[in-house]
């Protein structure tokens, strides 16, 4: 997961304060999970992006040719009330998981 606002927030304290103070900077989320990545790291990063987005509606794009780890899927689903638009390219397994988890909110 790459997010420009995350990168800017790592430059220095002033940039971090500026970026974190503007939820709109966090309104576009792109998750491209084509590489093997640490699911715990991705879950924590996704949670940080969602925290910074606040109540701002988000545009989310997810592309995953493999099954999304359950801890990351849970975080994604808990953010769905903030979605203004979603583009999902998932495995059949993930769509099945989505339909089963929708009742848990």
C-alpha atoms as a PDB file:
ATOM      1  CA  UNK A   1       0.000   0.000   0.000  1.00  0.00           C
ATOM      2  CA  UNK A   2       1.403   3.332  -1.052  1.00  0.00           C
ATOM      3  CA  UNK A   3      -0.204   6.557   0.017  1.00  0.00           C
ATOM      4  CA  UNK A   4       1.249   9.990  -0.858  1.00  0.00           C
ATOM      5  CA  UNK A   5       0.000  11.556   2.371  1.00  0.00           C
ATOM      6  CA  UNK A   6       1.780   8.839   4.347  1.00  0.00           C
ATOM      7  CA  UNK A   7       5.003   9.622   2.504  1.00  0.00           C
ATOM      8  CA  UNK A   8       4.605  13.368   3.129  1.00  0.00           C
ATOM      9  CA  UNK A   9       3.901  12.742   6.810  1.00  0.00           C
ATOM     10  CA  UNK A  10       7.303  11.056   7.143  1.00  0.00           C
ATOM     11  CA  UNK A  11       9.341  14.057   5.906  1.00  0.00           C
ATOM     12  CA  UNK A  12       9.364  16.078   9.120  1.00  0.00           C
ATOM     13  CA  UNK A  13       7.179  17.067  12.079  1.00  0.00           C
ATOM     14  CA  UNK A  14       5.735  20.138  10.337  1.00  0.00           C
ATOM     15  CA  UNK A  15       4.714  18.175   7.250  1.00  0.00           C
ATOM     16  CA  UNK A  16       3.225  15.415   9.436  1.00  0.00           C
ATOM     17  CA  UNK A  17       1.169  17.959  11.363  1.00  0.00           C
ATOM     18  CA  UNK A  18      -0.005  19.641   8.168  1.00  0.00           C
ATOM     19  CA  UNK A  19      -1.017  16.401   6.437  1.00  0.00           C
ATOM     20  CA  UNK A  20      -2.646  14.843   9.488  1.00  0.00           C
ATOM     21  CA  UNK A  21      -4.680  17.995  10.041  1.00  0.00           C
ATOM     22  CA  UNK A  22      -6.413  17.687   6.660  1.00  0.00           C
ATOM     23  CA  UNK A  23      -8.615  14.585   6.379  1.00  0.00           C
ATOM     24  CA  UNK A  24      -9.190  15.260   2.695  1.00  0.00           C
ATOM     25  CA  UNK A  25      -5.525  14.388   2.073  1.00  0.00           C
ATOM     26  CA  UNK A  26      -6.430  10.827   3.078  1.00  0.00           C
ATOM     27  CA  UNK A  27      -9.630  10.487   1.023  1.00  0.00           C
ATOM     28  CA  UNK A  28      -8.186   8.310  -1.769  1.00  0.00           C
ATOM     29  CA  UNK A  29      -7.005   4.859  -0.728  1.00  0.00           C
ATOM     30  CA  UNK A  30      -5.312   2.447  -3.124  1.00  0.00           C
ATOM     31  CA  UNK A  31      -4.597  -1.115  -2.025  1.00  0.00           C
ATOM     32  CA  UNK A  32      -2.740  -3.094  -4.672  1.00  0.00           C
ATOM     33  CA  UNK A  33      -1.909  -6.422  -3.124  1.00  0.00           C
ATOM     34  CA  UNK A  34      -0.088  -8.111  -5.973  1.00  0.00           C
ATOM     35  CA  UNK A  35       3.093  -8.541  -3.948  1.00  0.00           C
ATOM     36  CA  UNK A  36       3.583 -10.666  -0.877  1.00  0.00           C
ATOM     37  CA  UNK A  37       3.442  -8.137   1.938  1.00  0.00           C
ATOM     38  CA  UNK A  38       3.254  -8.355   5.699  1.00  0.00           C
ATOM     39  CA  UNK A  39      -0.483  -8.425   6.463  1.00  0.00           C
ATOM     40  CA  UNK A  40      -0.023  -7.016   9.982  1.00  0.00           C
ATOM     41  CA  UNK A  41       1.947  -4.056   8.594  1.00  0.00           C
ATOM     42  CA  UNK A  42      -0.720  -3.468   5.939  1.00  0.00           C
ATOM     43  CA  UNK A  43      -3.489  -3.666   8.545  1.00  0.00           C
ATOM     44  CA  UNK A  44      -1.760  -1.118  10.767  1.00  0.00           C
ATOM     45  CA  UNK A  45      -1.042   1.193   7.833  1.00  0.00           C
ATOM     46  CA  UNK A  46      -4.639   0.929   6.604  1.00  0.00           C
ATOM     47  CA  UNK A  47      -5.914   1.706  10.129  1.00  0.00           C
ATOM     48  CA  UNK A  48      -3.642   4.776  10.307  1.00  0.00           C
ATOM     49  CA  UNK A  49      -4.928   6.027   6.959  1.00  0.00           C
ATOM     50  CA  UNK A  50      -8.535   5.514   8.104  1.00  0.00           C
ATOM     51  CA  UNK A  51      -7.832   7.342  11.385  1.00  0.00           C
ATOM     52  CA  UNK A  52      -6.417  10.289   9.462  1.00  0.00           C
ATOM     53  CA  UNK A  53      -9.350  10.297   7.040  1.00  0.00           C
ATOM     54  CA  UNK A  54     -11.700  10.861   9.970  1.00  0.00           C
ATOM     55  CA  UNK A  55     -15.338  11.106   8.886  1.00  0.00           C
ATOM     56  CA  UNK A  56     -14.305  12.268   5.415  1.00  0.00           C
ATOM     57  CA  UNK A  57     -15.831  10.080   2.731  1.00  0.00           C
ATOM     58  CA  UNK A  58     -13.181   8.009   0.973  1.00  0.00           C
ATOM     59  CA  UNK A  59     -12.633   6.661  -2.507  1.00  0.00           C
ATOM     60  CA  UNK A  60     -11.166   3.190  -2.204  1.00  0.00           C
ATOM     61  CA  UNK A  61      -9.587   1.031  -4.886  1.00  0.00           C
ATOM     62  CA  UNK A  62      -8.579  -2.529  -4.045  1.00  0.00           C
ATOM     63  CA  UNK A  63      -6.833  -4.906  -6.424  1.00  0.00           C
ATOM     64  CA  UNK A  64      -5.895  -8.281  -5.027  1.00  0.00           C
ATOM     65  CA  UNK A  65      -5.200 -11.329  -7.192  1.00  0.00           C
ATOM     66  CA  UNK A  66      -4.906 -13.437  -4.039  1.00  0.00           C
ATOM     67  CA  UNK A  67      -7.059 -13.796  -0.929  1.00  0.00           C
ATOM     68  CA  UNK A  68      -6.846 -10.828   1.432  1.00  0.00           C
ATOM     69  CA  UNK A  69      -5.707 -11.796   4.960  1.00  0.00           C
ATOM     70  CA  UNK A  70      -8.619 -11.802   7.422  1.00  0.00           C
ATOM     71  CA  UNK A  71      -7.148  -9.103   9.706  1.00  0.00           C
ATOM     72  CA  UNK A  72      -6.836  -6.698   6.755  1.00  0.00           C
ATOM     73  CA  UNK A  73     -10.261  -7.665   5.369  1.00  0.00           C
ATOM     74  CA  UNK A  74     -11.808  -6.887   8.746  1.00  0.00           C
ATOM     75  CA  UNK A  75     -10.311  -3.383   8.732  1.00  0.00           C
ATOM     76  CA  UNK A  76     -11.443  -2.820   5.160  1.00  0.00           C
ATOM     77  CA  UNK A  77     -14.995  -3.863   5.967  1.00  0.00           C
ATOM     78  CA  UNK A  78     -15.172  -1.694   9.073  1.00  0.00           C
ATOM     79  CA  UNK A  79     -14.356   1.308   6.894  1.00  0.00           C
ATOM     80  CA  UNK A  80     -17.152   0.640   4.377  1.00  0.00           C
ATOM     81  CA  UNK A  81     -19.516   3.188   5.967  1.00  0.00           C
ATOM     82  CA  UNK A  82     -17.042   5.878   4.841  1.00  0.00           C
ATOM     83  CA  UNK A  83     -16.842   4.737   1.230  1.00  0.00           C
ATOM     84  CA  UNK A  84     -18.072   7.292  -1.283  1.00  0.00           C
ATOM     85  CA  UNK A  85     -16.924   5.083  -4.129  1.00  0.00           C
ATOM     86  CA  UNK A  86     -15.294   1.652  -4.233  1.00  0.00           C
ATOM     87  CA  UNK A  87     -13.585  -0.246  -7.013  1.00  0.00           C
ATOM     88  CA  UNK A  88     -12.911  -3.846  -6.057  1.00  0.00           C
ATOM     89  CA  UNK A  89     -10.945  -6.441  -7.982  1.00  0.00           C
ATOM     90  CA  UNK A  90     -10.930  -9.423  -5.648  1.00  0.00           C
ATOM     91  CA  UNK A  91     -10.786 -13.190  -5.685  1.00  0.00           C
ATOM     92  CA  UNK A  92     -14.016 -15.160  -5.480  1.00  0.00           C
ATOM     93  CA  UNK A  93     -12.919 -16.195  -1.991  1.00  0.00           C
ATOM     94  CA  UNK A  94     -12.827 -12.530  -0.893  1.00  0.00           C
ATOM     95  CA  UNK A  95     -16.276 -11.823  -2.332  1.00  0.00           C
ATOM     96  CA  UNK A  96     -17.561 -14.841  -0.419  1.00  0.00           C
ATOM     97  CA  UNK A  97     -15.930 -13.487   2.744  1.00  0.00           C
ATOM     98  CA  UNK A  98     -17.560 -10.093   2.105  1.00  0.00           C
ATOM     99  CA  UNK A  99     -21.015 -11.633   1.871  1.00  0.00           C
ATOM    100  CA  UNK A 100     -20.497 -13.657   5.064  1.00  0.00           C
ATOM    101  CA  UNK A 101     -19.103 -10.740   7.080  1.00  0.00           C
ATOM    102  CA  UNK A 102     -21.729  -8.158   6.128  1.00  0.00           C
ATOM    103  CA  UNK A 103     -23.936  -9.298   9.004  1.00  0.00           C
ATOM    104  CA  UNK A 104     -21.241  -8.764  11.626  1.00  0.00           C
ATOM    105  CA  UNK A 105     -21.525  -4.938  11.718  1.00  0.00           C
END
